[in-house]
Each structure stands twice: as structure tokens, then as C-alpha cells.
Amino acid sequence: RNAVKTAALVLLSGGIDSAVALWWARERYDVTALSFVGARRPRGEVRACMSVARRAGVPHLRVGLPFLHTHRDGYTPGRNLAFHAAALSIAEQRGAKAVVAGHNRSGASHYADARDAFFRRLRSLSNGVRIVRPLAGMTDAEVARLGAKLGVLVEAANSVGGSLAGLPVGKNVHAMLHEPKRAYVLLNTEPE
């Protein structure tokens, strides 16, 4: 018997963590990928979002947030707050019951808006839409292993110079795990 899946939005950055979260969510929800376009967002990330959604076979909604400005070092003030506020609003409008995000434990150690306390406060404003963080307890390496298990193709994920961690674009997470030093470098340069 086929049960109807609950609708969910998956925040998609174009990086490894959000790609793994998307593959995880596809097994559990009726998924629409949601990515944001802001000022000075690298074109590679925008292309990666489109590619990941296409490879996952899910609809992709792109929303402009032109007021967000990324610093040259990659930091965007208030990024997760703006992303989640917009996602919760869009989810409610579309009747989605969950917003899935790929924040992991490694990111939470660096960013206050990726920690449990931030999400506890945000949940109080969510009006019944669940915020789901399936990778919250995982390190970068654990996310890579889950990605390998799920068959996530990193060929679609954000790449720099046509390669991911020195491996040609087109390799999957499983192949990256055979060169863990390079995978670690990649995963730590793509904070979600």
C-alpha cells in the first residue's frame, strides 16, 4: 500500500550537506528543493543548486533575497535566519509540513545560527511547519558516509575549478571516501 508522502521543502545550497539532506528527504517526503539567490552569490553555487535538484528529480524553486550580501570571505550575516524565515513562510503558503535543512554538527561548532538553540527559538515561530535537520548530529565525514550510502552524486554539487577536492567532477561521495584527506578539505570549505 502506497501512503501519500507529506510535502516538504528542502533548503538547497548546492553543497554536499544540502545534497545529502535532499537525498535523505526524497525517501520520506514529497520534496521541492528551495534555493535562494542573493547579491554576490557565486554562480557556481547557483548552477550547483539547479544541477543537484535536476539530478534528484525534484522540482526546484528559486527565490531572490537581494538584500543578503556575502562578504568576500564567504560569510553572509543573518543568512540562516533569512533562509529559514523565508522557507517557513513559503512552506506554510504551499501547505508543506516540513522544512529540511542540511546543517551538521561541524557547522554548528562555527556558526551560532546553525546550533540547536537557534532552531529551538525558530521552531516557536514556525506555526506548525516542522524544521527537520537530519544531519544535525553528524560530522562532515559522517555526512559523506551517509551520502555514499544514499548514492548522492557530488558531480552536481558545487565545484571549484571543475573538480571537487581534487577529484574530477562526476565522482560520487563513495569515490571521495577513498581519498578522505581530500574529502575532508572539501567538506570543510563548503559550510552549509
C-alpha atoms as a PDB file:
ATOM      1  CA  ARG A   1       0.000   0.000   0.000  1.00  0.00           C
ATOM      2  CA  ASN A   2       1.439   3.372  -1.040  1.00  0.00           C
ATOM      3  CA  ALA A   3       0.951   6.076   1.536  1.00  0.00           C
ATOM      4  CA  VAL A   4       0.842   9.676   0.380  1.00  0.00           C
ATOM      5  CA  LYS A   5       4.035  11.439   1.404  1.00  0.00           C
ATOM      6  CA  THR A   6       3.920  14.695   3.339  1.00  0.00           C
ATOM      7  CA  ALA A   7       5.082  17.745   1.387  1.00  0.00           C
ATOM      8  CA  ALA A   8       8.396  19.275   2.428  1.00  0.00           C
ATOM      9  CA  LEU A   9      10.785  21.952   1.238  1.00  0.00           C
ATOM     10  CA  VAL A  10      14.492  21.134   1.322  1.00  0.00           C
ATOM     11  CA  LEU A  11      16.908  24.040   1.623  1.00  0.00           C
ATOM     12  CA  LEU A  12      19.473  23.578  -1.129  1.00  0.00           C
ATOM     13  CA  SER A  13      22.764  25.478  -1.132  1.00  0.00           C
ATOM     14  CA  GLY A  14      24.498  23.461  -3.818  1.00  0.00           C
ATOM     15  CA  GLY A  15      26.951  21.956  -1.337  1.00  0.00           C
ATOM     16  CA  ILE A  16      27.461  18.436  -0.048  1.00  0.00           C
ATOM     17  CA  ASP A  17      25.406  18.743   3.156  1.00  0.00           C
ATOM     18  CA  SER A  18      22.289  20.060   1.447  1.00  0.00           C
ATOM     19  CA  ALA A  19      22.615  17.476  -1.350  1.00  0.00           C
ATOM     20  CA  VAL A  20      22.758  14.656   1.231  1.00  0.00           C
ATOM     21  CA  ALA A  21      19.777  16.173   3.089  1.00  0.00           C
ATOM     22  CA  LEU A  22      17.857  16.281  -0.209  1.00  0.00           C
ATOM     23  CA  TRP A  23      18.548  12.606  -0.964  1.00  0.00           C
ATOM     24  CA  TRP A  24      17.587  11.720   2.621  1.00  0.00           C
ATOM     25  CA  ALA A  25      14.339  13.704   2.343  1.00  0.00           C
ATOM     26  CA  ARG A  26      13.327  12.169  -1.002  1.00  0.00           C
ATOM     27  CA  GLU A  27      12.851   8.841   0.784  1.00  0.00           C
ATOM     28  CA  ARG A  28      10.493  10.388   3.337  1.00  0.00           C
ATOM     29  CA  TYR A  29       8.687  13.368   1.807  1.00  0.00           C
ATOM     30  CA  ASP A  30       7.172  14.762  -1.359  1.00  0.00           C
ATOM     31  CA  VAL A  31      10.065  17.157  -1.906  1.00  0.00           C
ATOM     32  CA  THR A  32      10.534  20.526  -3.513  1.00  0.00           C
ATOM     33  CA  ALA A  33      14.081  21.903  -3.416  1.00  0.00           C
ATOM     34  CA  LEU A  34      14.326  25.539  -2.363  1.00  0.00           C
ATOM     35  CA  SER A  35      17.348  27.695  -3.068  1.00  0.00           C
ATOM     36  CA  PHE A  36      17.968  31.374  -2.646  1.00  0.00           C
ATOM     37  CA  VAL A  37      19.599  33.836  -4.975  1.00  0.00           C
ATOM     38  CA  GLY A  38      21.221  36.830  -3.332  1.00  0.00           C
ATOM     39  CA  ALA A  39      23.649  39.568  -4.154  1.00  0.00           C
ATOM     40  CA  ARG A  40      27.152  38.311  -4.990  1.00  0.00           C
ATOM     41  CA  ARG A  41      26.190  34.648  -4.657  1.00  0.00           C
ATOM     42  CA  PRO A  42      28.791  32.700  -6.638  1.00  0.00           C
ATOM     43  CA  ARG A  43      27.464  31.490  -9.989  1.00  0.00           C
ATOM     44  CA  GLY A  44      28.919  28.036  -9.264  1.00  0.00           C
ATOM     45  CA  GLU A  45      26.608  27.680  -6.261  1.00  0.00           C
ATOM     46  CA  VAL A  46      23.575  28.773  -8.270  1.00  0.00           C
ATOM     47  CA  ARG A  47      24.409  26.279 -11.050  1.00  0.00           C
ATOM     48  CA  ALA A  48      25.066  23.563  -8.473  1.00  0.00           C
ATOM     49  CA  CYS A  49      21.616  24.064  -6.920  1.00  0.00           C
ATOM     50  CA  MET A  50      19.959  23.625 -10.286  1.00  0.00           C
ATOM     51  CA  SER A  51      22.078  20.586 -11.096  1.00  0.00           C
ATOM     52  CA  VAL A  52      21.502  18.866  -7.729  1.00  0.00           C
ATOM     53  CA  ALA A  53      17.721  19.356  -7.958  1.00  0.00           C
ATOM     54  CA  ARG A  54      17.674  18.099 -11.544  1.00  0.00           C
ATOM     55  CA  ARG A  55      19.744  15.005 -10.651  1.00  0.00           C
ATOM     56  CA  ALA A  56      17.472  14.334  -7.668  1.00  0.00           C
ATOM     57  CA  GLY A  57      14.456  14.548  -9.956  1.00  0.00           C
ATOM     58  CA  VAL A  58      12.617  17.050  -7.773  1.00  0.00           C
ATOM     59  CA  PRO A  59      11.012  20.425  -8.512  1.00  0.00           C
ATOM     60  CA  HIS A  60      13.273  23.376  -7.762  1.00  0.00           C
ATOM     61  CA  LEU A  61      12.027  26.728  -6.510  1.00  0.00           C
ATOM     62  CA  ARG A  62      14.480  29.652  -6.660  1.00  0.00           C
ATOM     63  CA  VAL A  63      13.702  32.708  -4.540  1.00  0.00           C
ATOM     64  CA  GLY A  64      15.533  36.016  -4.633  1.00  0.00           C
ATOM     65  CA  LEU A  65      16.843  37.518  -1.415  1.00  0.00           C
ATOM     66  CA  PRO A  66      18.677  40.520  -2.884  1.00  0.00           C
ATOM     67  CA  PHE A  67      19.214  42.161   0.495  1.00  0.00           C
ATOM     68  CA  LEU A  68      21.678  39.441   1.540  1.00  0.00           C
ATOM     69  CA  HIS A  69      25.267  40.361   0.762  1.00  0.00           C
ATOM     70  CA  THR A  70      28.015  37.791   1.034  1.00  0.00           C
ATOM     71  CA  HIS A  71      31.384  39.057   2.210  1.00  0.00           C
ATOM     72  CA  ARG A  72      34.448  38.168   0.178  1.00  0.00           C
ATOM     73  CA  ASP A  73      35.354  35.533   2.787  1.00  0.00           C
ATOM     74  CA  GLY A  74      32.028  33.761   2.150  1.00  0.00           C
ATOM     75  CA  TYR A  75      30.262  34.873   5.344  1.00  0.00           C
ATOM     76  CA  THR A  76      26.717  36.211   4.935  1.00  0.00           C
ATOM     77  CA  PRO A  77      25.298  37.978   8.023  1.00  0.00           C
ATOM     78  CA  GLY A  78      21.899  36.597   9.027  1.00  0.00           C
ATOM     79  CA  ARG A  79      21.893  34.041   6.219  1.00  0.00           C
ATOM     80  CA  ASN A  80      20.315  31.114   8.075  1.00  0.00           C
ATOM     81  CA  LEU A  81      17.763  33.366   9.752  1.00  0.00           C
ATOM     82  CA  ALA A  82      16.678  34.801   6.391  1.00  0.00           C
ATOM     83  CA  PHE A  83      16.726  31.394   4.681  1.00  0.00           C
ATOM     84  CA  HIS A  84      14.658  29.677   7.358  1.00  0.00           C
ATOM     85  CA  ALA A  85      12.201  32.555   7.780  1.00  0.00           C
ATOM     86  CA  ALA A  86      11.556  32.571   4.022  1.00  0.00           C
ATOM     87  CA  ALA A  87      11.374  28.759   3.895  1.00  0.00           C
ATOM     88  CA  LEU A  88       8.863  28.571   6.746  1.00  0.00           C
ATOM     89  CA  SER A  89       6.688  31.221   5.100  1.00  0.00           C
ATOM     90  CA  ILE A  90       6.819  29.512   1.692  1.00  0.00           C
ATOM     91  CA  ALA A  91       6.161  26.096   3.259  1.00  0.00           C
ATOM     92  CA  GLU A  92       3.089  27.403   5.033  1.00  0.00           C
ATOM     93  CA  GLN A  93       1.801  29.050   1.834  1.00  0.00           C
ATOM     94  CA  ARG A  94       2.278  25.812  -0.127  1.00  0.00           C
ATOM     95  CA  GLY A  95       0.874  23.519   2.556  1.00  0.00           C
ATOM     96  CA  ALA A  96       4.213  21.822   3.201  1.00  0.00           C
ATOM     97  CA  LYS A  97       4.535  20.365   6.683  1.00  0.00           C
ATOM     98  CA  ALA A  98       8.341  20.389   6.952  1.00  0.00           C
ATOM     99  CA  VAL A  99      11.459  22.324   6.018  1.00  0.00           C
ATOM    100  CA  VAL A 100      14.501  20.059   5.778  1.00  0.00           C
ATOM    101  CA  ALA A 101      17.983  21.553   6.139  1.00  0.00           C
ATOM    102  CA  GLY A 102      21.455  20.038   5.915  1.00  0.00           C
ATOM    103  CA  HIS A 103      23.052  21.716   8.921  1.00  0.00           C
ATOM    104  CA  ASN A 104      25.521  19.372  10.574  1.00  0.00           C
ATOM    105  CA  ARG A 105      27.456  19.253  13.839  1.00  0.00           C
ATOM    106  CA  SER A 106      30.630  20.604  12.237  1.00  0.00           C
ATOM    107  CA  GLY A 107      28.849  23.747  11.030  1.00  0.00           C
ATOM    108  CA  ALA A 108      27.197  24.246  14.403  1.00  0.00           C
ATOM    109  CA  SER A 109      30.616  24.435  16.030  1.00  0.00           C
ATOM    110  CA  HIS A 110      31.375  27.539  13.928  1.00  0.00           C
ATOM    111  CA  TYR A 111      28.051  29.320  13.390  1.00  0.00           C
ATOM    112  CA  ALA A 112      25.562  30.407  16.076  1.00  0.00           C
ATOM    113  CA  ASP A 113      22.711  30.226  13.558  1.00  0.00           C
ATOM    114  CA  ALA A 114      23.371  26.529  12.945  1.00  0.00           C
ATOM    115  CA  ARG A 115      23.116  25.490  16.601  1.00  0.00           C
ATOM    116  CA  ASP A 116      20.270  23.790  18.473  1.00  0.00           C
ATOM    117  CA  ALA A 117      19.444  26.937  20.476  1.00  0.00           C
ATOM    118  CA  PHE A 118      18.851  28.903  17.267  1.00  0.00           C
ATOM    119  CA  PHE A 119      16.488  26.249  15.922  1.00  0.00           C
ATOM    120  CA  ARG A 120      14.612  25.942  19.229  1.00  0.00           C
ATOM    121  CA  ARG A 121      13.806  29.667  19.032  1.00  0.00           C
ATOM    122  CA  LEU A 122      12.911  29.433  15.358  1.00  0.00           C
ATOM    123  CA  ARG A 123      10.555  26.493  15.937  1.00  0.00           C
ATOM    124  CA  SER A 124       8.494  28.657  18.281  1.00  0.00           C
ATOM    125  CA  LEU A 125       7.666  30.849  15.263  1.00  0.00           C
ATOM    126  CA  SER A 126       7.054  28.066  12.764  1.00  0.00           C
ATOM    127  CA  ASN A 127       3.253  27.852  13.012  1.00  0.00           C
ATOM    128  CA  GLY A 128       3.148  24.072  12.714  1.00  0.00           C
ATOM    129  CA  VAL A 129       5.777  23.621  10.000  1.00  0.00           C
ATOM    130  CA  ARG A 130       8.476  21.271  11.307  1.00  0.00           C
ATOM    131  CA  ILE A 131      12.152  22.142  10.914  1.00  0.00           C
ATOM    132  CA  VAL A 132      13.964  18.862  10.218  1.00  0.00           C
ATOM    133  CA  ARG A 133      17.758  18.627  10.455  1.00  0.00           C
ATOM    134  CA  PRO A 134      18.659  15.001   9.731  1.00  0.00           C
ATOM    135  CA  LEU A 135      22.409  15.703   9.764  1.00  0.00           C
ATOM    136  CA  ALA A 136      22.492  17.772  12.976  1.00  0.00           C
ATOM    137  CA  GLY A 137      24.366  15.147  14.985  1.00  0.00           C
ATOM    138  CA  MET A 138      26.822  14.249  12.218  1.00  0.00           C
ATOM    139  CA  THR A 139      30.333  15.386  11.443  1.00  0.00           C
ATOM    140  CA  ASP A 140      31.407  16.220   7.899  1.00  0.00           C
ATOM    141  CA  ALA A 141      32.866  12.714   7.495  1.00  0.00           C
ATOM    142  CA  GLU A 142      29.645  11.088   8.727  1.00  0.00           C
ATOM    143  CA  VAL A 143      27.638  13.174   6.255  1.00  0.00           C
ATOM    144  CA  ALA A 144      29.953  11.970   3.466  1.00  0.00           C
ATOM    145  CA  ARG A 145      29.421   8.350   4.528  1.00  0.00           C
ATOM    146  CA  LEU A 146      25.637   8.831   4.567  1.00  0.00           C
ATOM    147  CA  GLY A 147      25.883  10.434   1.138  1.00  0.00           C
ATOM    148  CA  ALA A 148      27.767   7.404  -0.144  1.00  0.00           C
ATOM    149  CA  LYS A 149      25.119   5.087   1.299  1.00  0.00           C
ATOM    150  CA  LEU A 150      22.324   7.128  -0.311  1.00  0.00           C
ATOM    151  CA  GLY A 151      24.156   7.367  -3.652  1.00  0.00           C
ATOM    152  CA  VAL A 152      24.381  11.149  -3.672  1.00  0.00           C
ATOM    153  CA  LEU A 153      26.177  12.341  -6.768  1.00  0.00           C
ATOM    154  CA  VAL A 154      28.550  15.143  -5.931  1.00  0.00           C
ATOM    155  CA  GLU A 155      29.042  15.810  -9.615  1.00  0.00           C
ATOM    156  CA  ALA A 156      26.056  18.067  -9.240  1.00  0.00           C
ATOM    157  CA  ALA A 157      27.237  19.674  -6.005  1.00  0.00           C
ATOM    158  CA  ASN A 158      29.186  22.906  -6.006  1.00  0.00           C
ATOM    159  CA  SER A 159      32.616  22.580  -7.540  1.00  0.00           C
ATOM    160  CA  VAL A 160      35.573  24.885  -7.810  1.00  0.00           C
ATOM    161  CA  GLY A 161      37.621  24.767 -10.977  1.00  0.00           C
ATOM    162  CA  GLY A 162      35.832  21.725 -12.350  1.00  0.00           C
ATOM    163  CA  SER A 163      36.801  19.425  -9.504  1.00  0.00           C
ATOM    164  CA  LEU A 164      35.725  18.563  -6.004  1.00  0.00           C
ATOM    165  CA  ALA A 165      38.570  18.099  -3.546  1.00  0.00           C
ATOM    166  CA  GLY A 166      40.915  17.422  -6.441  1.00  0.00           C
ATOM    167  CA  LEU A 167      38.698  14.699  -7.904  1.00  0.00           C
ATOM    168  CA  PRO A 168      37.176  15.249 -11.336  1.00  0.00           C
ATOM    169  CA  VAL A 169      33.546  16.357 -11.306  1.00  0.00           C
ATOM    170  CA  GLY A 170      31.454  13.241 -11.874  1.00  0.00           C
ATOM    171  CA  LYS A 171      32.761  11.199  -8.973  1.00  0.00           C
ATOM    172  CA  ASN A 172      30.322  10.343  -6.222  1.00  0.00           C
ATOM    173  CA  VAL A 173      30.744  10.617  -2.470  1.00  0.00           C
ATOM    174  CA  HIS A 174      31.797   6.956  -2.314  1.00  0.00           C
ATOM    175  CA  ALA A 175      34.777   7.714  -4.546  1.00  0.00           C
ATOM    176  CA  MET A 176      35.653  10.711  -2.369  1.00  0.00           C
ATOM    177  CA  LEU A 177      35.830   8.477   0.674  1.00  0.00           C
ATOM    178  CA  HIS A 178      38.746   6.601  -0.871  1.00  0.00           C
ATOM    179  CA  GLU A 179      40.695   9.857  -0.561  1.00  0.00           C
ATOM    180  CA  PRO A 180      39.480  11.026   2.866  1.00  0.00           C
ATOM    181  CA  LYS A 181      42.064  13.786   3.220  1.00  0.00           C
ATOM    182  CA  ARG A 182      40.752  15.476   0.076  1.00  0.00           C
ATOM    183  CA  ALA A 183      37.129  14.823   1.070  1.00  0.00           C
ATOM    184  CA  TYR A 184      37.759  16.414   4.464  1.00  0.00           C
ATOM    185  CA  VAL A 185      39.206  19.534   2.837  1.00  0.00           C
ATOM    186  CA  LEU A 186      36.216  19.791   0.512  1.00  0.00           C
ATOM    187  CA  LEU A 187      33.670  19.296   3.227  1.00  0.00           C
ATOM    188  CA  ASN A 188      35.267  21.926   5.428  1.00  0.00           C
ATOM    189  CA  THR A 189      35.358  24.500   2.637  1.00  0.00           C
ATOM    190  CA  GLU A 190      31.661  24.247   1.857  1.00  0.00           C
ATOM    191  CA  PRO A 191      29.884  25.317   5.074  1.00  0.00           C
ATOM    192  CA  GLU A 192      26.115  24.941   4.879  1.00  0.00           C
END
